[in-house]
Protein backbone atom coordinates (compact mmCIF):
# COMPACT_ATOMS: atom_id res chain seq x y z
CA MET A 1 -2.12 -2.37 24.69
CA PRO A 2 -2.53 -1.44 21.01
CA GLN A 3 -5.26 1.26 20.41
CA VAL A 4 -8.39 0.68 18.06
CA ASP A 5 -8.72 3.14 14.82
CA PRO A 6 -12.78 4.03 15.07
CA THR A 7 -11.84 5.00 11.87
CA ASP A 8 -10.91 1.37 10.55
CA THR A 9 -13.67 -0.21 8.71
CA ALA A 10 -15.22 -3.44 9.86
CA PRO A 11 -12.45 -6.69 8.62
CA ALA A 12 -13.44 -8.21 5.00
CA GLN A 13 -14.11 -11.30 6.38
CA ALA A 14 -17.14 -9.94 8.08
CA ALA A 15 -18.11 -8.82 5.07
CA PRO A 16 -21.11 -11.19 3.78
CA LEU A 17 -20.27 -13.76 1.41
CA PRO A 18 -21.48 -12.92 -2.13
CA THR A 19 -25.00 -15.07 -3.45
CA THR A 20 -23.16 -16.16 -6.33
CA TYR A 21 -20.23 -18.47 -7.85
CA GLU A 22 -19.31 -15.77 -10.58
CA ALA A 23 -20.29 -12.91 -7.96
CA ALA A 24 -17.23 -14.84 -5.61
CA LEU A 25 -15.42 -15.78 -8.53
CA SER A 26 -14.82 -12.39 -9.38
CA GLU A 27 -14.25 -11.03 -5.76
CA LEU A 28 -11.56 -13.27 -5.79
CA GLU A 29 -9.92 -12.62 -8.57
CA ALA A 30 -9.67 -8.67 -7.80
CA LEU A 31 -8.80 -9.59 -4.13
CA VAL A 32 -5.98 -11.95 -5.75
CA GLY A 33 -4.60 -9.18 -7.96
CA GLN A 34 -4.41 -6.57 -5.43
CA LEU A 35 -2.64 -8.67 -3.32
CA GLU A 36 0.11 -9.76 -5.68
CA SER A 37 0.25 -6.10 -6.39
CA GLY A 38 2.51 -5.46 -3.49
CA GLN A 39 0.06 -2.51 -3.24
CA MET A 40 -2.11 -3.32 0.00
CA PRO A 41 -0.72 -1.80 3.21
CA LEU A 42 0.73 -4.60 5.92
CA ASP A 43 -2.15 -4.24 7.67
CA GLN A 44 -4.91 -4.97 5.01
CA LEU A 45 -2.66 -8.02 3.93
CA LEU A 46 -4.03 -10.39 7.07
CA SER A 47 -7.88 -9.34 6.68
CA GLY A 48 -7.79 -9.17 2.66
CA TYR A 49 -5.94 -13.17 3.00
CA GLN A 50 -8.94 -14.16 5.35
CA ARG A 51 -11.76 -12.46 2.88
CA GLY A 52 -9.51 -14.59 -0.01
CA ALA A 53 -10.18 -17.46 1.78
CA ALA A 54 -13.48 -17.43 2.91
CA LEU A 55 -14.23 -16.71 -0.93
CA LEU A 56 -12.71 -19.98 -2.09
CA ALA A 57 -14.11 -21.80 0.38
CA PHE A 58 -17.57 -20.81 -0.46
CA CYS A 59 -16.41 -21.22 -4.63
CA LYS A 60 -15.26 -24.74 -3.26
CA ASP A 61 -18.92 -25.34 -1.81
CA LYS A 62 -20.75 -24.23 -4.97
CA LEU A 63 -18.75 -26.27 -7.09
CA LYS A 64 -18.80 -29.26 -5.10
CA ALA A 65 -22.47 -29.05 -4.92
CA VAL A 66 -23.00 -28.80 -8.97
CA GLU A 67 -20.89 -31.48 -9.18
CA ASP A 68 -22.67 -33.91 -6.32
CA GLN A 69 -26.17 -33.05 -8.63
CA ILE A 70 -24.51 -34.39 -11.74
CA GLN A 71 -23.78 -37.17 -10.27
CA VAL A 72 -27.18 -38.03 -9.37
CA LEU A 73 -28.58 -36.67 -12.37
CA ASP A 74 -25.69 -38.82 -13.93
CA GLY A 75 -26.63 -42.19 -11.79
CA GLY A 76 -23.86 -41.48 -9.40
CA GLN A 77 -21.17 -41.76 -12.33
CA LEU A 78 -19.08 -38.78 -12.92
CA LYS A 79 -18.44 -38.30 -16.08
CA PRO A 80 -15.47 -36.55 -17.43
CA TRP A 81 -15.75 -33.05 -18.96
CA GLY A 82 -15.75 -33.10 -22.72
CA GLY A 83 -15.43 -29.01 -22.59
CA ALA A 84 -16.02 -27.26 -25.59
């Protein structure tokens, strides 16, 4: 059975999620950069991926909640974004 190194930090997925969409997105972008760089040690890749999945789900939930609120305000009709 493999031994656990007591100096290892807690898994990334155990860290609490940010409180705002912007903070979660910023952390997710930084994490994706680390994952894509190929410089992350193998033992951190899985926890990084899991943290990224949790951050992505958080961001999607926040966006869905805002979309639902907009639908209520627009009488059930989601209007296309005209973007400025």
